[in-house]
Amino acid sequence: MMEDIEIAPRIIVSEAVHPGRPLIRGTRIQVSVVLGSLAAGMSVDEVAQEYDLSREDVLAALAYAQKVIERELVLPLPGARREGPTG
């Protein structure tokens, strides 16, 4: 059986829990759930309380997302519709 693999501080992947999805270490909470809650307007402290996480866990999810997006390269596709800042 595969062990949990730490991919960033406080962030793991686990074959046993949501395989392939980044999780907060020691929980079944996906990083995407934490990020979605923050994006919906919850504060760091509210997210921590809602999911029984530490502030450091929530901030670790943000740090992980920043590292992932930092490596992303977006190239426009020819003929693709381009939207302005208001969508």
PDB file of N, CA and C in Angstrom:
ATOM      1  N   MET A   1       0.838  -1.187   0.000  1.00  0.00           N
ATOM      2  CA  MET A   1       0.000   0.000   0.000  1.00  0.00           C
ATOM      3  C   MET A   1       0.880   1.246   0.000  1.00  0.00           C
ATOM      4  N   MET A   2       0.484   2.221  -0.776  1.00  0.00           N
ATOM      5  CA  MET A   2       1.246   3.460  -0.897  1.00  0.00           C
ATOM      6  C   MET A   2       1.059   4.340   0.334  1.00  0.00           C
ATOM      7  N   GLU A   3       2.133   4.928   0.798  1.00  0.00           N
ATOM      8  CA  GLU A   3       2.054   5.856   1.921  1.00  0.00           C
ATOM      9  C   GLU A   3       1.621   7.228   1.433  1.00  0.00           C
ATOM     10  N   ASP A   4       1.244   8.058   2.393  1.00  0.00           N
ATOM     11  CA  ASP A   4       0.987   9.452   2.062  1.00  0.00           C
ATOM     12  C   ASP A   4       2.298  10.079   1.633  1.00  0.00           C
ATOM     13  N   ILE A   5       2.242  10.945   0.638  1.00  0.00           N
ATOM     14  CA  ILE A   5       3.430  11.634   0.153  1.00  0.00           C
ATOM     15  C   ILE A   5       3.235  13.121   0.371  1.00  0.00           C
ATOM     16  N   GLU A   6       4.165  13.722   1.110  1.00  0.00           N
ATOM     17  CA  GLU A   6       4.103  15.163   1.323  1.00  0.00           C
ATOM     18  C   GLU A   6       4.645  15.858   0.078  1.00  0.00           C
ATOM     19  N   ILE A   7       3.809  16.686  -0.548  1.00  0.00           N
ATOM     20  CA  ILE A   7       4.207  17.387  -1.769  1.00  0.00           C
ATOM     21  C   ILE A   7       4.535  18.847  -1.512  1.00  0.00           C
ATOM     22  N   ALA A   8       4.193  19.321  -0.330  1.00  0.00           N
ATOM     23  CA  ALA A   8       4.493  20.687   0.109  1.00  0.00           C
ATOM     24  C   ALA A   8       4.286  20.684   1.618  1.00  0.00           C
ATOM     25  N   PRO A   9       4.806  21.684   2.313  1.00  0.00           N
ATOM     26  CA  PRO A   9       4.567  21.720   3.758  1.00  0.00           C
ATOM     27  C   PRO A   9       3.073  21.626   4.080  1.00  0.00           C
ATOM     28  N   ARG A  10       2.706  20.619   4.892  1.00  0.00           N
ATOM     29  CA  ARG A  10       1.334  20.380   5.347  1.00  0.00           C
ATOM     30  C   ARG A  10       0.391  19.864   4.263  1.00  0.00           C
ATOM     31  N   ILE A  11       0.891  19.622   3.051  1.00  0.00           N
ATOM     32  CA  ILE A  11       0.053  19.177   1.939  1.00  0.00           C
ATOM     33  C   ILE A  11       0.534  17.797   1.494  1.00  0.00           C
ATOM     34  N   ILE A  12      -0.411  16.853   1.373  1.00  0.00           N
ATOM     35  CA  ILE A  12      -0.059  15.493   0.976  1.00  0.00           C
ATOM     36  C   ILE A  12      -0.946  15.031  -0.172  1.00  0.00           C
ATOM     37  N   VAL A  13      -0.548  13.916  -0.783  1.00  0.00           N
ATOM     38  CA  VAL A  13      -1.438  13.117  -1.623  1.00  0.00           C
ATOM     39  C   VAL A  13      -1.479  11.736  -0.987  1.00  0.00           C
ATOM     40  N   SER A  14      -2.622  11.096  -1.078  1.00  0.00           N
ATOM     41  CA  SER A  14      -2.836   9.802  -0.445  1.00  0.00           C
ATOM     42  C   SER A  14      -3.593   8.899  -1.403  1.00  0.00           C
ATOM     43  N   GLU A  15      -3.090   7.680  -1.561  1.00  0.00           N
ATOM     44  CA  GLU A  15      -3.794   6.718  -2.402  1.00  0.00           C
ATOM     45  C   GLU A  15      -5.123   6.310  -1.764  1.00  0.00           C
ATOM     46  N   ALA A  16      -5.166   6.357  -0.440  1.00  0.00           N
ATOM     47  CA  ALA A  16      -6.350   5.904   0.294  1.00  0.00           C
ATOM     48  C   ALA A  16      -7.470   6.944   0.364  1.00  0.00           C
ATOM     49  N   VAL A  17      -7.131   8.216   0.256  1.00  0.00           N
ATOM     50  CA  VAL A  17      -8.119   9.293   0.411  1.00  0.00           C
ATOM     51  C   VAL A  17      -8.040  10.208  -0.804  1.00  0.00           C
ATOM     52  N   HIS A  18      -9.096  10.276  -1.575  1.00  0.00           N
ATOM     53  CA  HIS A  18      -9.140  11.139  -2.765  1.00  0.00           C
ATOM     54  C   HIS A  18      -7.848  11.009  -3.581  1.00  0.00           C
ATOM     55  N   PRO A  19      -7.560   9.837  -4.144  1.00  0.00           N
ATOM     56  CA  PRO A  19      -6.288   9.620  -4.855  1.00  0.00           C
ATOM     57  C   PRO A  19      -5.986  10.710  -5.875  1.00  0.00           C
ATOM     58  N   GLY A  20      -4.759  11.220  -5.811  1.00  0.00           N
ATOM     59  CA  GLY A  20      -4.297  12.226  -6.754  1.00  0.00           C
ATOM     60  C   GLY A  20      -4.664  13.651  -6.405  1.00  0.00           C
ATOM     61  N   ARG A  21      -5.476  13.835  -5.387  1.00  0.00           N
ATOM     62  CA  ARG A  21      -5.898  15.182  -4.993  1.00  0.00           C
ATOM     63  C   ARG A  21      -5.073  15.661  -3.806  1.00  0.00           C
ATOM     64  N   PRO A  22      -4.560  16.881  -3.865  1.00  0.00           N
ATOM     65  CA  PRO A  22      -3.831  17.416  -2.702  1.00  0.00           C
ATOM     66  C   PRO A  22      -4.762  17.590  -1.506  1.00  0.00           C
ATOM     67  N   LEU A  23      -4.294  17.144  -0.347  1.00  0.00           N
ATOM     68  CA  LEU A  23      -5.057  17.196   0.896  1.00  0.00           C
ATOM     69  C   LEU A  23      -4.274  17.922   1.966  1.00  0.00           C
ATOM     70  N   ILE A  24      -4.990  18.448   2.941  1.00  0.00           N
ATOM     71  CA  ILE A  24      -4.345  18.978   4.135  1.00  0.00           C
ATOM     72  C   ILE A  24      -3.901  17.767   4.966  1.00  0.00           C
ATOM     73  N   ARG A  25      -2.631  17.708   5.326  1.00  0.00           N
ATOM     74  CA  ARG A  25      -2.075  16.575   6.074  1.00  0.00           C
ATOM     75  C   ARG A  25      -2.908  16.290   7.336  1.00  0.00           C
ATOM     76  N   GLY A  26      -3.176  15.012   7.561  1.00  0.00           N
ATOM     77  CA  GLY A  26      -3.914  14.596   8.740  1.00  0.00           C
ATOM     78  C   GLY A  26      -5.417  14.745   8.630  1.00  0.00           C
ATOM     79  N   THR A  27      -5.910  15.101   7.456  1.00  0.00           N
ATOM     80  CA  THR A  27      -7.349  15.289   7.249  1.00  0.00           C
ATOM     81  C   THR A  27      -7.765  14.647   5.929  1.00  0.00           C
ATOM     82  N   ARG A  28      -9.042  14.694   5.651  1.00  0.00           N
ATOM     83  CA  ARG A  28      -9.571  14.284   4.348  1.00  0.00           C
ATOM     84  C   ARG A  28      -9.959  15.527   3.531  1.00  0.00           C
ATOM     85  N   ILE A  29      -9.562  16.699   3.994  1.00  0.00           N
ATOM     86  CA  ILE A  29      -9.950  17.965   3.364  1.00  0.00           C
ATOM     87  C   ILE A  29      -9.044  18.263   2.171  1.00  0.00           C
ATOM     88  N   GLN A  30      -9.670  18.407   1.005  1.00  0.00           N
ATOM     89  CA  GLN A  30      -8.917  18.728  -0.200  1.00  0.00           C
ATOM     90  C   GLN A  30      -8.511  20.208  -0.204  1.00  0.00           C
ATOM     91  N   VAL A  31      -7.335  20.475  -0.731  1.00  0.00           N
ATOM     92  CA  VAL A  31      -6.864  21.850  -0.869  1.00  0.00           C
ATOM     93  C   VAL A  31      -7.884  22.662  -1.662  1.00  0.00           C
ATOM     94  N   SER A  32      -8.482  22.062  -2.670  1.00  0.00           N
ATOM     95  CA  SER A  32      -9.460  22.786  -3.492  1.00  0.00           C
ATOM     96  C   SER A  32     -10.668  23.248  -2.681  1.00  0.00           C
ATOM     97  N   VAL A  33     -11.057  22.502  -1.664  1.00  0.00           N
ATOM     98  CA  VAL A  33     -12.175  22.900  -0.802  1.00  0.00           C
ATOM     99  C   VAL A  33     -11.795  24.139   0.004  1.00  0.00           C
ATOM    100  N   VAL A  34     -10.573  24.138   0.532  1.00  0.00           N
ATOM    101  CA  VAL A  34     -10.084  25.295   1.296  1.00  0.00           C
ATOM    102  C   VAL A  34     -10.037  26.517   0.392  1.00  0.00           C
ATOM    103  N   LEU A  35      -9.469  26.360  -0.805  1.00  0.00           N
ATOM    104  CA  LEU A  35      -9.357  27.484  -1.732  1.00  0.00           C
ATOM    105  C   LEU A  35     -10.729  27.986  -2.171  1.00  0.00           C
ATOM    106  N   GLY A  36     -11.641  27.071  -2.422  1.00  0.00           N
ATOM    107  CA  GLY A  36     -12.993  27.464  -2.814  1.00  0.00           C
ATOM    108  C   GLY A  36     -13.693  28.257  -1.727  1.00  0.00           C
ATOM    109  N   SER A  37     -13.483  27.868  -0.490  1.00  0.00           N
ATOM    110  CA  SER A  37     -14.092  28.590   0.623  1.00  0.00           C
ATOM    111  C   SER A  37     -13.516  29.999   0.744  1.00  0.00           C
ATOM    112  N   LEU A  38     -12.208  30.108   0.568  1.00  0.00           N
ATOM    113  CA  LEU A  38     -11.580  31.431   0.593  1.00  0.00           C
ATOM    114  C   LEU A  38     -12.075  32.283  -0.572  1.00  0.00           C
ATOM    115  N   ALA A  39     -12.178  31.680  -1.735  1.00  0.00           N
ATOM    116  CA  ALA A  39     -12.644  32.412  -2.922  1.00  0.00           C
ATOM    117  C   ALA A  39     -14.091  32.866  -2.756  1.00  0.00           C
ATOM    118  N   ALA A  40     -14.867  32.121  -1.984  1.00  0.00           N
ATOM    119  CA  ALA A  40     -16.268  32.479  -1.745  1.00  0.00           C
ATOM    120  C   ALA A  40     -16.416  33.584  -0.708  1.00  0.00           C
ATOM    121  N   GLY A  41     -15.295  34.009  -0.118  1.00  0.00           N
ATOM    122  CA  GLY A  41     -15.351  35.139   0.785  1.00  0.00           C
ATOM    123  C   GLY A  41     -15.118  34.828   2.257  1.00  0.00           C
ATOM    124  N   MET A  42     -14.914  33.559   2.578  1.00  0.00           N
ATOM    125  CA  MET A  42     -14.639  33.228   3.979  1.00  0.00           C
ATOM    126  C   MET A  42     -13.237  33.709   4.341  1.00  0.00           C
ATOM    127  N   SER A  43     -13.045  34.091   5.581  1.00  0.00           N
ATOM    128  CA  SER A  43     -11.719  34.489   6.046  1.00  0.00           C
ATOM    129  C   SER A  43     -10.902  33.247   6.373  1.00  0.00           C
ATOM    130  N   VAL A  44      -9.602  33.424   6.524  1.00  0.00           N
ATOM    131  CA  VAL A  44      -8.726  32.322   6.900  1.00  0.00           C
ATOM    132  C   VAL A  44      -9.215  31.690   8.194  1.00  0.00           C
ATOM    133  N   ASP A  45      -9.543  32.511   9.173  1.00  0.00           N
ATOM    134  CA  ASP A  45     -10.007  31.989  10.458  1.00  0.00           C
ATOM    135  C   ASP A  45     -11.347  31.263  10.336  1.00  0.00           C
ATOM    136  N   GLU A  46     -12.247  31.767   9.505  1.00  0.00           N
ATOM    137  CA  GLU A  46     -13.532  31.099   9.292  1.00  0.00           C
ATOM    138  C   GLU A  46     -13.340  29.727   8.653  1.00  0.00           C
ATOM    139  N   VAL A  47     -12.459  29.646   7.654  1.00  0.00           N
ATOM    140  CA  VAL A  47     -12.186  28.364   6.997  1.00  0.00           C
ATOM    141  C   VAL A  47     -11.570  27.393   7.997  1.00  0.00           C
ATOM    142  N   ALA A  48     -10.622  27.873   8.782  1.00  0.00           N
ATOM    143  CA  ALA A  48      -9.982  27.013   9.776  1.00  0.00           C
ATOM    144  C   ALA A  48     -11.026  26.452  10.741  1.00  0.00           C
ATOM    145  N   GLN A  49     -11.925  27.301  11.200  1.00  0.00           N
ATOM    146  CA  GLN A  49     -12.954  26.851  12.138  1.00  0.00           C
ATOM    147  C   GLN A  49     -13.939  25.904  11.463  1.00  0.00           C
ATOM    148  N   GLU A  50     -14.372  26.228  10.261  1.00  0.00           N
ATOM    149  CA  GLU A  50     -15.361  25.414   9.542  1.00  0.00           C
ATOM    150  C   GLU A  50     -14.873  23.984   9.308  1.00  0.00           C
ATOM    151  N   TYR A  51     -13.596  23.831   8.975  1.00  0.00           N
ATOM    152  CA  TYR A  51     -13.059  22.508   8.624  1.00  0.00           C
ATOM    153  C   TYR A  51     -12.143  21.926   9.703  1.00  0.00           C
ATOM    154  N   ASP A  52     -12.138  22.527  10.883  1.00  0.00           N
ATOM    155  CA  ASP A  52     -11.317  22.065  11.997  1.00  0.00           C
ATOM    156  C   ASP A  52      -9.839  21.960  11.593  1.00  0.00           C
ATOM    157  N   LEU A  53      -9.350  23.040  11.000  1.00  0.00           N
ATOM    158  CA  LEU A  53      -7.961  23.146  10.571  1.00  0.00           C
ATOM    159  C   LEU A  53      -7.271  24.226  11.394  1.00  0.00           C
ATOM    160  N   SER A  54      -5.955  24.232  11.324  1.00  0.00           N
ATOM    161  CA  SER A  54      -5.220  25.346  11.923  1.00  0.00           C
ATOM    162  C   SER A  54      -5.102  26.460  10.888  1.00  0.00           C
ATOM    163  N   ARG A  55      -4.844  27.637  11.364  1.00  0.00           N
ATOM    164  CA  ARG A  55      -4.566  28.770  10.467  1.00  0.00           C
ATOM    165  C   ARG A  55      -3.427  28.415   9.531  1.00  0.00           C
ATOM    166  N   GLU A  56      -2.422  27.730  10.067  1.00  0.00           N
ATOM    167  CA  GLU A  56      -1.245  27.339   9.281  1.00  0.00           C
ATOM    168  C   GLU A  56      -1.621  26.385   8.152  1.00  0.00           C
ATOM    169  N   ASP A  57      -2.609  25.500   8.403  1.00  0.00           N
ATOM    170  CA  ASP A  57      -3.080  24.594   7.346  1.00  0.00           C
ATOM    171  C   ASP A  57      -3.701  25.385   6.198  1.00  0.00           C
ATOM    172  N   VAL A  58      -4.533  26.351   6.539  1.00  0.00           N
ATOM    173  CA  VAL A  58      -5.197  27.163   5.511  1.00  0.00           C
ATOM    174  C   VAL A  58      -4.157  27.956   4.720  1.00  0.00           C
ATOM    175  N   LEU A  59      -3.215  28.546   5.413  1.00  0.00           N
ATOM    176  CA  LEU A  59      -2.164  29.308   4.734  1.00  0.00           C
ATOM    177  C   LEU A  59      -1.276  28.396   3.889  1.00  0.00           C
ATOM    178  N   ALA A  60      -1.076  27.155   4.331  1.00  0.00           N
ATOM    179  CA  ALA A  60      -0.304  26.193   3.543  1.00  0.00           C
ATOM    180  C   ALA A  60      -1.019  25.873   2.234  1.00  0.00           C
ATOM    181  N   ALA A  61      -2.350  25.789   2.270  1.00  0.00           N
ATOM    182  CA  ALA A  61      -3.122  25.555   1.049  1.00  0.00           C
ATOM    183  C   ALA A  61      -2.932  26.716   0.073  1.00  0.00           C
ATOM    184  N   LEU A  62      -2.944  27.935   0.586  1.00  0.00           N
ATOM    185  CA  LEU A  62      -2.706  29.110  -0.268  1.00  0.00           C
ATOM    186  C   LEU A  62      -1.291  29.100  -0.847  1.00  0.00           C
ATOM    187  N   ALA A  63      -0.326  28.761  -0.024  1.00  0.00           N
ATOM    188  CA  ALA A  63       1.066  28.719  -0.489  1.00  0.00           C
ATOM    189  C   ALA A  63       1.238  27.652  -1.566  1.00  0.00           C
ATOM    190  N   TYR A  64       0.592  26.498  -1.372  1.00  0.00           N
ATOM    191  CA  TYR A  64       0.663  25.433  -2.375  1.00  0.00           C
ATOM    192  C   TYR A  64       0.035  25.902  -3.697  1.00  0.00           C
ATOM    193  N   ALA A  65      -1.120  26.530  -3.616  1.00  0.00           N
ATOM    194  CA  ALA A  65      -1.783  27.029  -4.824  1.00  0.00           C
ATOM    195  C   ALA A  65      -0.912  28.053  -5.544  1.00  0.00           C
ATOM    196  N   GLN A  66      -0.250  28.907  -4.786  1.00  0.00           N
ATOM    197  CA  GLN A  66       0.629  29.909  -5.393  1.00  0.00           C
ATOM    198  C   GLN A  66       1.762  29.226  -6.156  1.00  0.00           C
ATOM    199  N   LYS A  67       2.341  28.177  -5.579  1.00  0.00           N
ATOM    200  CA  LYS A  67       3.432  27.457  -6.253  1.00  0.00           C
ATOM    201  C   LYS A  67       2.945  26.777  -7.523  1.00  0.00           C
ATOM    202  N   VAL A  68       1.746  26.218  -7.475  1.00  0.00           N
ATOM    203  CA  VAL A  68       1.193  25.542  -8.653  1.00  0.00           C
ATOM    204  C   VAL A  68       0.926  26.547  -9.765  1.00  0.00           C
ATOM    205  N   ILE A  69       0.287  27.659  -9.433  1.00  0.00           N
ATOM    206  CA  ILE A  69      -0.063  28.648 -10.449  1.00  0.00           C
ATOM    207  C   ILE A  69       1.180  29.363 -10.987  1.00  0.00           C
ATOM    208  N   GLU A  70       2.195  29.456 -10.166  1.00  0.00           N
ATOM    209  CA  GLU A  70       3.449  30.084 -10.584  1.00  0.00           C
ATOM    210  C   GLU A  70       4.071  29.336 -11.770  1.00  0.00           C
ATOM    211  N   ARG A  71       3.854  28.035 -11.823  1.00  0.00           N
ATOM    212  CA  ARG A  71       4.418  27.211 -12.906  1.00  0.00           C
ATOM    213  C   ARG A  71       3.513  27.157 -14.126  1.00  0.00           C
ATOM    214  N   GLU A  72       2.292  27.672 -14.010  1.00  0.00           N
ATOM    215  CA  GLU A  72       1.347  27.601 -15.116  1.00  0.00           C
ATOM    216  C   GLU A  72       1.701  28.608 -16.203  1.00  0.00           C
ATOM    217  N   LEU A  73       1.587  28.169 -17.422  1.00  0.00           N
ATOM    218  CA  LEU A  73       1.813  29.035 -18.568  1.00  0.00           C
ATOM    219  C   LEU A  73       0.547  29.012 -19.411  1.00  0.00           C
ATOM    220  N   VAL A  74      -0.025  30.170 -19.648  1.00  0.00           N
ATOM    221  CA  VAL A  74      -1.268  30.262 -20.411  1.00  0.00           C
ATOM    222  C   VAL A  74      -0.961  30.849 -21.772  1.00  0.00           C
ATOM    223  N   LEU A  75      -1.302  30.108 -22.805  1.00  0.00           N
ATOM    224  CA  LEU A  75      -1.094  30.565 -24.178  1.00  0.00           C
ATOM    225  C   LEU A  75      -2.452  30.654 -24.862  1.00  0.00           C
ATOM    226  N   PRO A  76      -2.767  31.772 -25.465  1.00  0.00           N
ATOM    227  CA  PRO A  76      -4.058  31.885 -26.155  1.00  0.00           C
ATOM    228  C   PRO A  76      -4.096  30.965 -27.373  1.00  0.00           C
ATOM    229  N   LEU A  77      -5.229  30.355 -27.602  1.00  0.00           N
ATOM    230  CA  LEU A  77      -5.405  29.501 -28.761  1.00  0.00           C
ATOM    231  C   LEU A  77      -5.851  30.356 -29.938  1.00  0.00           C
ATOM    232  N   PRO A  78      -5.330  30.085 -31.131  1.00  0.00           N
ATOM    233  CA  PRO A  78      -5.771  30.856 -32.301  1.00  0.00           C
ATOM    234  C   PRO A  78      -7.279  30.758 -32.481  1.00  0.00           C
ATOM    235  N   GLY A  79      -7.917  31.885 -32.675  1.00  0.00           N
ATOM    236  CA  GLY A  79      -9.356  31.927 -32.887  1.00  0.00           C
ATOM    237  C   GLY A  79     -10.190  31.833 -31.621  1.00  0.00           C
ATOM    238  N   ALA A  80      -9.522  31.691 -30.477  1.00  0.00           N
ATOM    239  CA  ALA A  80     -10.273  31.590 -29.221  1.00  0.00           C
ATOM    240  C   ALA A  80     -10.875  32.946 -28.871  1.00  0.00           C
ATOM    241  N   ARG A  81     -12.061  32.914 -28.303  1.00  0.00           N
ATOM    242  CA  ARG A  81     -12.720  34.142 -27.867  1.00  0.00           C
ATOM    243  C   ARG A  81     -11.952  34.717 -26.689  1.00  0.00           C
ATOM    244  N   ARG A  82     -11.638  35.962 -26.761  1.00  0.00           N
ATOM    245  CA  ARG A  82     -10.923  36.629 -25.678  1.00  0.00           C
ATOM    246  C   ARG A  82     -11.895  37.497 -24.908  1.00  0.00           C
ATOM    247  N   GLU A  83     -11.839  37.343 -23.591  1.00  0.00           N
ATOM    248  CA  GLU A  83     -12.751  38.101 -22.746  1.00  0.00           C
ATOM    249  C   GLU A  83     -11.972  39.174 -22.019  1.00  0.00           C
ATOM    250  N   GLY A  84     -12.637  40.284 -21.799  1.00  0.00           N
ATOM    251  CA  GLY A  84     -12.024  41.386 -21.067  1.00  0.00           C
ATOM    252  C   GLY A  84     -12.067  41.124 -19.571  1.00  0.00           C
ATOM    253  N   PRO A  85     -11.604  42.089 -18.790  1.00  0.00           N
ATOM    254  CA  PRO A  85     -11.536  41.911 -17.341  1.00  0.00           C
ATOM    255  C   PRO A  85     -12.892  41.729 -16.672  1.00  0.00           C
ATOM    256  N   THR A  86     -13.977  42.106 -17.323  1.00  0.00           N
ATOM    257  CA  THR A  86     -15.292  41.944 -16.705  1.00  0.00           C
ATOM    258  C   THR A  86     -15.988  40.684 -17.177  1.00  0.00           C
ATOM    259  N   GLY A  87     -15.302  39.866 -17.977  1.00  0.00           N
ATOM    260  CA  GLY A  87     -15.886  38.579 -18.381  1.00  0.00           C
ATOM    261  C   GLY A  87     -16.590  38.683 -19.668  1.00  0.00           C
TER     262      GLY A  87
END
